[in-house]
């Protein structure tokens, strides 16, 4: 099951990177990790550093992917972002990209929530 979840997550992250790139975001890092956890994507939107959490699910019968990002997860991302920002003087924000795939791993829906925290 974990291997399937990792594959689904990788497909979602690839779709998110493609989507953000088309919106003229500069992708700086993927899967940045430190003692607090992992940030899926770190990008730059003009002069703003963006920390992106990607949630991907196959189908919606067991809830929406965006519902899987709670206050605790956002708090951990914020802590990781603070560590990443050491010495950098840029505005920053946290975004969520929620993706729903069909049974053939094709994107049914991709929703980008900007500045969620």
N, C-alpha and C. Protein backbone atom coordinates (compact mmCIF):
# COMPACT_ATOMS: atom_id res chain seq x y z
N UNK A 1 0.82 -1.20 0.00
CA UNK A 1 0.00 0.00 0.00
C UNK A 1 0.86 1.26 0.00
N UNK A 2 1.92 1.28 0.81
CA UNK A 2 2.79 2.46 0.87
C UNK A 2 3.41 2.75 -0.49
N UNK A 3 3.80 1.70 -1.22
CA UNK A 3 4.41 1.90 -2.53
C UNK A 3 3.40 2.55 -3.49
N UNK A 4 2.13 2.12 -3.42
CA UNK A 4 1.08 2.72 -4.24
C UNK A 4 0.88 4.19 -3.86
N UNK A 5 0.88 4.48 -2.55
CA UNK A 5 0.72 5.86 -2.10
C UNK A 5 1.87 6.73 -2.57
N UNK A 6 3.10 6.19 -2.53
CA UNK A 6 4.27 6.95 -2.99
C UNK A 6 4.16 7.24 -4.49
N UNK A 7 3.71 6.25 -5.26
CA UNK A 7 3.55 6.45 -6.71
C UNK A 7 2.50 7.52 -6.98
N UNK A 8 1.39 7.45 -6.26
CA UNK A 8 0.33 8.45 -6.42
C UNK A 8 0.86 9.84 -6.05
N UNK A 9 1.60 9.92 -4.95
CA UNK A 9 2.18 11.19 -4.53
C UNK A 9 3.16 11.74 -5.55
N UNK A 10 3.99 10.86 -6.11
CA UNK A 10 4.96 11.30 -7.13
C UNK A 10 4.24 11.83 -8.38
N UNK A 11 3.17 11.15 -8.79
CA UNK A 11 2.40 11.62 -9.95
C UNK A 11 1.80 12.99 -9.67
N UNK A 12 1.28 13.17 -8.45
CA UNK A 12 0.71 14.46 -8.08
C UNK A 12 1.76 15.56 -8.04
N UNK A 13 2.91 15.26 -7.48
CA UNK A 13 3.98 16.27 -7.42
C UNK A 13 4.45 16.65 -8.82
N UNK A 14 4.56 15.67 -9.71
CA UNK A 14 4.94 15.97 -11.10
C UNK A 14 3.91 16.87 -11.77
N UNK A 15 2.62 16.57 -11.55
CA UNK A 15 1.55 17.40 -12.12
C UNK A 15 1.58 18.81 -11.53
N UNK A 16 1.85 18.92 -10.24
CA UNK A 16 1.92 20.23 -9.58
C UNK A 16 3.08 21.05 -10.12
N UNK A 17 4.24 20.41 -10.30
CA UNK A 17 5.41 21.12 -10.84
C UNK A 17 5.09 21.64 -12.24
N UNK A 18 4.49 20.80 -13.08
CA UNK A 18 4.13 21.22 -14.44
C UNK A 18 3.16 22.40 -14.40
N UNK A 19 2.16 22.31 -13.53
CA UNK A 19 1.17 23.38 -13.39
C UNK A 19 1.82 24.68 -12.95
N UNK A 20 2.65 24.62 -11.91
CA UNK A 20 3.31 25.82 -11.40
C UNK A 20 4.26 26.41 -12.42
N UNK A 21 4.98 25.55 -13.13
CA UNK A 21 5.90 26.02 -14.17
C UNK A 21 5.14 26.79 -15.24
N UNK A 22 3.96 26.30 -15.62
CA UNK A 22 3.13 26.99 -16.63
C UNK A 22 2.62 28.33 -16.11
N UNK A 23 2.54 28.48 -14.79
CA UNK A 23 2.14 29.76 -14.18
C UNK A 23 3.35 30.66 -13.95
N UNK A 24 4.50 30.29 -14.54
CA UNK A 24 5.74 31.05 -14.46
C UNK A 24 6.39 31.05 -13.08
N UNK A 25 6.12 30.02 -12.29
CA UNK A 25 6.85 29.86 -11.04
C UNK A 25 8.21 29.25 -11.38
N UNK A 26 9.22 29.66 -10.63
CA UNK A 26 10.54 29.05 -10.76
C UNK A 26 10.64 27.96 -9.69
N UNK A 27 10.81 26.71 -10.10
CA UNK A 27 10.92 25.61 -9.15
C UNK A 27 12.35 25.58 -8.62
N UNK A 28 12.50 25.75 -7.30
CA UNK A 28 13.82 25.80 -6.68
C UNK A 28 14.23 24.43 -6.12
N UNK A 29 13.29 23.77 -5.45
CA UNK A 29 13.61 22.47 -4.83
C UNK A 29 12.36 21.61 -4.78
N UNK A 30 12.61 20.29 -4.78
CA UNK A 30 11.54 19.32 -4.55
C UNK A 30 11.96 18.44 -3.39
N UNK A 31 11.00 18.11 -2.56
CA UNK A 31 11.21 17.19 -1.43
C UNK A 31 12.33 17.66 -0.50
N UNK A 32 12.28 18.95 -0.15
CA UNK A 32 13.22 19.50 0.82
C UNK A 32 12.86 18.94 2.20
N UNK A 33 13.85 18.42 2.92
CA UNK A 33 13.54 17.87 4.24
C UNK A 33 14.52 18.40 5.28
N UNK A 34 14.02 18.46 6.50
CA UNK A 34 14.83 18.80 7.67
C UNK A 34 14.22 18.06 8.86
N UNK A 35 14.61 18.44 10.08
CA UNK A 35 14.15 17.68 11.25
C UNK A 35 12.64 17.76 11.48
N UNK A 36 11.97 18.72 10.87
CA UNK A 36 10.53 18.86 11.05
C UNK A 36 9.72 18.06 10.04
N UNK A 37 10.34 17.63 8.95
CA UNK A 37 9.61 16.87 7.93
C UNK A 37 10.06 17.23 6.54
N UNK A 38 9.11 17.28 5.62
CA UNK A 38 9.42 17.51 4.21
C UNK A 38 8.47 18.54 3.59
N UNK A 39 9.03 19.38 2.73
CA UNK A 39 8.22 20.29 1.92
C UNK A 39 8.28 19.76 0.50
N UNK A 40 7.11 19.56 -0.09
CA UNK A 40 7.05 18.94 -1.42
C UNK A 40 7.74 19.78 -2.49
N UNK A 41 7.41 21.06 -2.54
CA UNK A 41 7.97 21.93 -3.58
C UNK A 41 8.30 23.30 -2.95
N UNK A 42 9.46 23.80 -3.28
CA UNK A 42 9.79 25.19 -2.94
C UNK A 42 9.98 25.89 -4.27
N UNK A 43 9.23 26.98 -4.45
CA UNK A 43 9.25 27.69 -5.73
C UNK A 43 9.31 29.19 -5.47
N UNK A 44 9.51 29.91 -6.54
CA UNK A 44 9.52 31.36 -6.47
C UNK A 44 8.46 31.88 -7.43
N UNK A 45 7.55 32.70 -6.91
CA UNK A 45 6.51 33.36 -7.70
C UNK A 45 6.86 34.85 -7.71
N UNK A 46 7.45 35.30 -8.80
CA UNK A 46 8.00 36.64 -8.90
C UNK A 46 9.05 36.81 -7.81
N UNK A 47 8.81 37.66 -6.81
CA UNK A 47 9.81 37.84 -5.74
C UNK A 47 9.37 37.20 -4.42
N UNK A 48 8.40 36.28 -4.47
CA UNK A 48 7.89 35.61 -3.28
C UNK A 48 8.32 34.15 -3.26
N UNK A 49 8.86 33.71 -2.15
CA UNK A 49 9.20 32.31 -1.97
C UNK A 49 7.93 31.56 -1.57
N UNK A 50 7.65 30.45 -2.24
CA UNK A 50 6.40 29.71 -2.02
C UNK A 50 6.74 28.29 -1.59
N UNK A 51 6.19 27.89 -0.45
CA UNK A 51 6.33 26.53 0.06
C UNK A 51 5.02 25.81 -0.26
N UNK A 52 5.12 24.76 -1.08
CA UNK A 52 3.92 24.12 -1.62
C UNK A 52 3.76 22.72 -1.06
N UNK A 53 2.60 22.48 -0.46
CA UNK A 53 2.21 21.14 -0.02
C UNK A 53 1.30 20.56 -1.10
N UNK A 54 1.64 19.38 -1.60
CA UNK A 54 0.85 18.72 -2.64
C UNK A 54 0.14 17.53 -2.01
N UNK A 55 -1.17 17.47 -2.19
CA UNK A 55 -1.95 16.33 -1.72
C UNK A 55 -2.66 15.73 -2.93
N UNK A 56 -2.48 14.43 -3.10
CA UNK A 56 -3.03 13.73 -4.26
C UNK A 56 -3.83 12.53 -3.79
N UNK A 57 -5.00 12.34 -4.37
CA UNK A 57 -5.83 11.17 -4.08
C UNK A 57 -6.36 10.61 -5.38
N UNK A 58 -6.64 9.32 -5.38
CA UNK A 58 -7.32 8.69 -6.50
C UNK A 58 -8.80 8.66 -6.14
N UNK A 59 -9.60 9.41 -6.90
CA UNK A 59 -11.03 9.51 -6.61
C UNK A 59 -11.31 10.38 -5.40
N UNK A 60 -12.60 10.66 -5.20
CA UNK A 60 -13.01 11.53 -4.09
C UNK A 60 -13.96 10.84 -3.11
N UNK A 61 -14.16 9.53 -3.28
CA UNK A 61 -15.16 8.87 -2.43
C UNK A 61 -14.80 8.83 -0.95
N UNK A 62 -13.53 9.00 -0.62
CA UNK A 62 -13.12 9.00 0.79
C UNK A 62 -12.64 10.38 1.23
N UNK A 63 -13.15 11.42 0.60
CA UNK A 63 -12.80 12.78 0.97
C UNK A 63 -11.90 13.44 -0.05
N UNK A 64 -11.76 14.73 0.11
CA UNK A 64 -10.98 15.53 -0.83
C UNK A 64 -9.53 15.63 -0.35
N UNK A 65 -8.59 15.75 -1.29
CA UNK A 65 -7.19 15.84 -0.88
C UNK A 65 -6.90 17.06 0.00
N UNK A 66 -7.55 18.18 -0.29
CA UNK A 66 -7.29 19.39 0.51
C UNK A 66 -7.75 19.24 1.95
N UNK A 67 -8.68 18.33 2.20
CA UNK A 67 -9.14 18.08 3.57
C UNK A 67 -8.08 17.35 4.41
N UNK A 68 -7.05 16.84 3.77
CA UNK A 68 -6.00 16.09 4.45
C UNK A 68 -4.91 17.01 5.02
N UNK A 69 -5.00 18.30 4.75
CA UNK A 69 -3.99 19.25 5.25
C UNK A 69 -4.60 20.01 6.42
N UNK A 70 -4.20 19.61 7.61
CA UNK A 70 -4.74 20.22 8.82
C UNK A 70 -3.81 21.27 9.39
N UNK A 71 -4.22 21.84 10.52
CA UNK A 71 -3.43 22.88 11.18
C UNK A 71 -2.05 22.37 11.58
N UNK A 72 -1.98 21.14 12.04
CA UNK A 72 -0.69 20.57 12.46
C UNK A 72 0.29 20.50 11.31
N UNK A 73 -0.19 20.05 10.15
CA UNK A 73 0.67 19.96 8.96
C UNK A 73 1.14 21.35 8.54
N UNK A 74 0.24 22.32 8.53
CA UNK A 74 0.61 23.68 8.16
C UNK A 74 1.62 24.27 9.14
N UNK A 75 1.47 23.95 10.42
CA UNK A 75 2.42 24.42 11.43
C UNK A 75 3.81 23.84 11.18
N UNK A 76 3.88 22.54 10.84
CA UNK A 76 5.17 21.91 10.55
C UNK A 76 5.81 22.51 9.30
N UNK A 77 5.00 22.78 8.28
CA UNK A 77 5.53 23.41 7.07
C UNK A 77 6.07 24.79 7.40
N UNK A 78 5.34 25.53 8.23
CA UNK A 78 5.80 26.86 8.64
C UNK A 78 7.15 26.77 9.34
N UNK A 79 7.31 25.81 10.23
CA UNK A 79 8.59 25.65 10.93
C UNK A 79 9.72 25.30 9.95
N UNK A 80 9.44 24.43 9.01
CA UNK A 80 10.46 24.09 8.01
C UNK A 80 10.79 25.31 7.16
N UNK A 81 9.77 26.08 6.81
CA UNK A 81 9.98 27.28 6.00
C UNK A 81 10.85 28.29 6.75
N UNK A 82 10.62 28.44 8.03
CA UNK A 82 11.43 29.37 8.84
C UNK A 82 12.90 28.95 8.80
N UNK A 83 13.15 27.65 8.93
CA UNK A 83 14.54 27.17 8.87
C UNK A 83 15.12 27.41 7.48
N UNK A 84 14.34 27.18 6.45
CA UNK A 84 14.82 27.37 5.08
C UNK A 84 15.12 28.85 4.81
N UNK A 85 14.34 29.73 5.41
CA UNK A 85 14.46 31.16 5.16
C UNK A 85 15.65 31.82 5.88
N UNK A 86 16.31 31.12 6.77
CA UNK A 86 17.43 31.72 7.52
C UNK A 86 18.37 32.44 6.56
N UNK A 87 18.54 33.75 6.80
CA UNK A 87 19.44 34.55 5.98
C UNK A 87 18.84 35.07 4.69
N UNK A 88 17.62 34.69 4.39
CA UNK A 88 16.97 35.16 3.15
C UNK A 88 15.98 36.26 3.50
N UNK A 89 15.98 37.31 2.72
CA UNK A 89 15.09 38.45 2.94
C UNK A 89 14.06 38.52 1.80
N UNK A 90 13.14 37.59 1.78
CA UNK A 90 12.09 37.55 0.76
C UNK A 90 10.74 37.36 1.42
N UNK A 91 9.70 37.92 0.84
CA UNK A 91 8.37 37.56 1.34
C UNK A 91 8.13 36.09 1.01
N UNK A 92 7.32 35.43 1.83
CA UNK A 92 7.04 34.02 1.56
C UNK A 92 5.59 33.71 1.92
N UNK A 93 5.15 32.54 1.45
CA UNK A 93 3.79 32.08 1.74
C UNK A 93 3.76 30.56 1.60
N UNK A 94 2.66 29.97 2.07
CA UNK A 94 2.43 28.53 1.92
C UNK A 94 1.22 28.34 1.04
N UNK A 95 1.37 27.51 0.02
CA UNK A 95 0.28 27.15 -0.89
C UNK A 95 -0.01 25.66 -0.78
N UNK A 96 -1.20 25.27 -1.18
CA UNK A 96 -1.57 23.86 -1.30
C UNK A 96 -2.00 23.61 -2.74
N UNK A 97 -1.53 22.50 -3.31
CA UNK A 97 -2.04 22.03 -4.60
C UNK A 97 -2.72 20.70 -4.32
N UNK A 98 -4.03 20.65 -4.55
CA UNK A 98 -4.83 19.45 -4.32
C UNK A 98 -5.17 18.82 -5.67
N UNK A 99 -4.87 17.53 -5.78
CA UNK A 99 -5.03 16.84 -7.06
C UNK A 99 -5.85 15.58 -6.86
N UNK A 100 -6.80 15.38 -7.77
CA UNK A 100 -7.59 14.14 -7.80
C UNK A 100 -7.29 13.44 -9.12
N UNK A 101 -6.88 12.17 -9.00
CA UNK A 101 -6.59 11.35 -10.18
C UNK A 101 -7.73 10.38 -10.43
N UNK A 102 -7.88 9.97 -11.69
CA UNK A 102 -8.84 8.90 -11.99
C UNK A 102 -8.14 7.55 -11.86
N UNK A 103 -8.85 6.48 -12.17
CA UNK A 103 -8.29 5.13 -12.02
C UNK A 103 -7.13 4.85 -12.97
N UNK A 104 -6.97 5.68 -14.01
CA UNK A 104 -5.85 5.55 -14.96
C UNK A 104 -4.71 6.52 -14.65
N UNK A 105 -4.75 7.12 -13.46
CA UNK A 105 -3.74 8.08 -13.01
C UNK A 105 -3.69 9.35 -13.86
N UNK A 106 -4.82 9.71 -14.44
CA UNK A 106 -4.95 10.98 -15.17
C UNK A 106 -5.54 12.01 -14.22
N UNK A 107 -5.11 13.25 -14.35
CA UNK A 107 -5.60 14.32 -13.47
C UNK A 107 -7.05 14.65 -13.81
N UNK A 108 -7.94 14.45 -12.84
CA UNK A 108 -9.34 14.85 -12.97
C UNK A 108 -9.53 16.30 -12.54
N UNK A 109 -8.83 16.66 -11.46
CA UNK A 109 -8.97 18.01 -10.90
C UNK A 109 -7.67 18.41 -10.24
N UNK A 110 -7.25 19.64 -10.48
CA UNK A 110 -6.10 20.23 -9.81
C UNK A 110 -6.53 21.60 -9.33
N UNK A 111 -6.45 21.81 -8.02
CA UNK A 111 -6.85 23.08 -7.42
C UNK A 111 -5.65 23.67 -6.67
N UNK A 112 -5.35 24.93 -6.96
CA UNK A 112 -4.22 25.62 -6.34
C UNK A 112 -4.77 26.64 -5.35
N UNK A 113 -4.47 26.42 -4.07
CA UNK A 113 -4.87 27.35 -3.01
C UNK A 113 -3.63 28.16 -2.62
N UNK A 114 -3.69 29.45 -2.84
CA UNK A 114 -2.55 30.31 -2.56
C UNK A 114 -2.66 30.94 -1.18
N UNK A 115 -1.50 31.08 -0.54
CA UNK A 115 -1.39 31.82 0.73
C UNK A 115 -2.34 31.30 1.81
N UNK A 116 -2.28 29.99 2.07
CA UNK A 116 -3.19 29.39 3.04
C UNK A 116 -2.74 29.56 4.48
N UNK A 117 -1.45 29.95 4.68
CA UNK A 117 -0.95 30.09 6.05
C UNK A 117 0.14 31.13 6.08
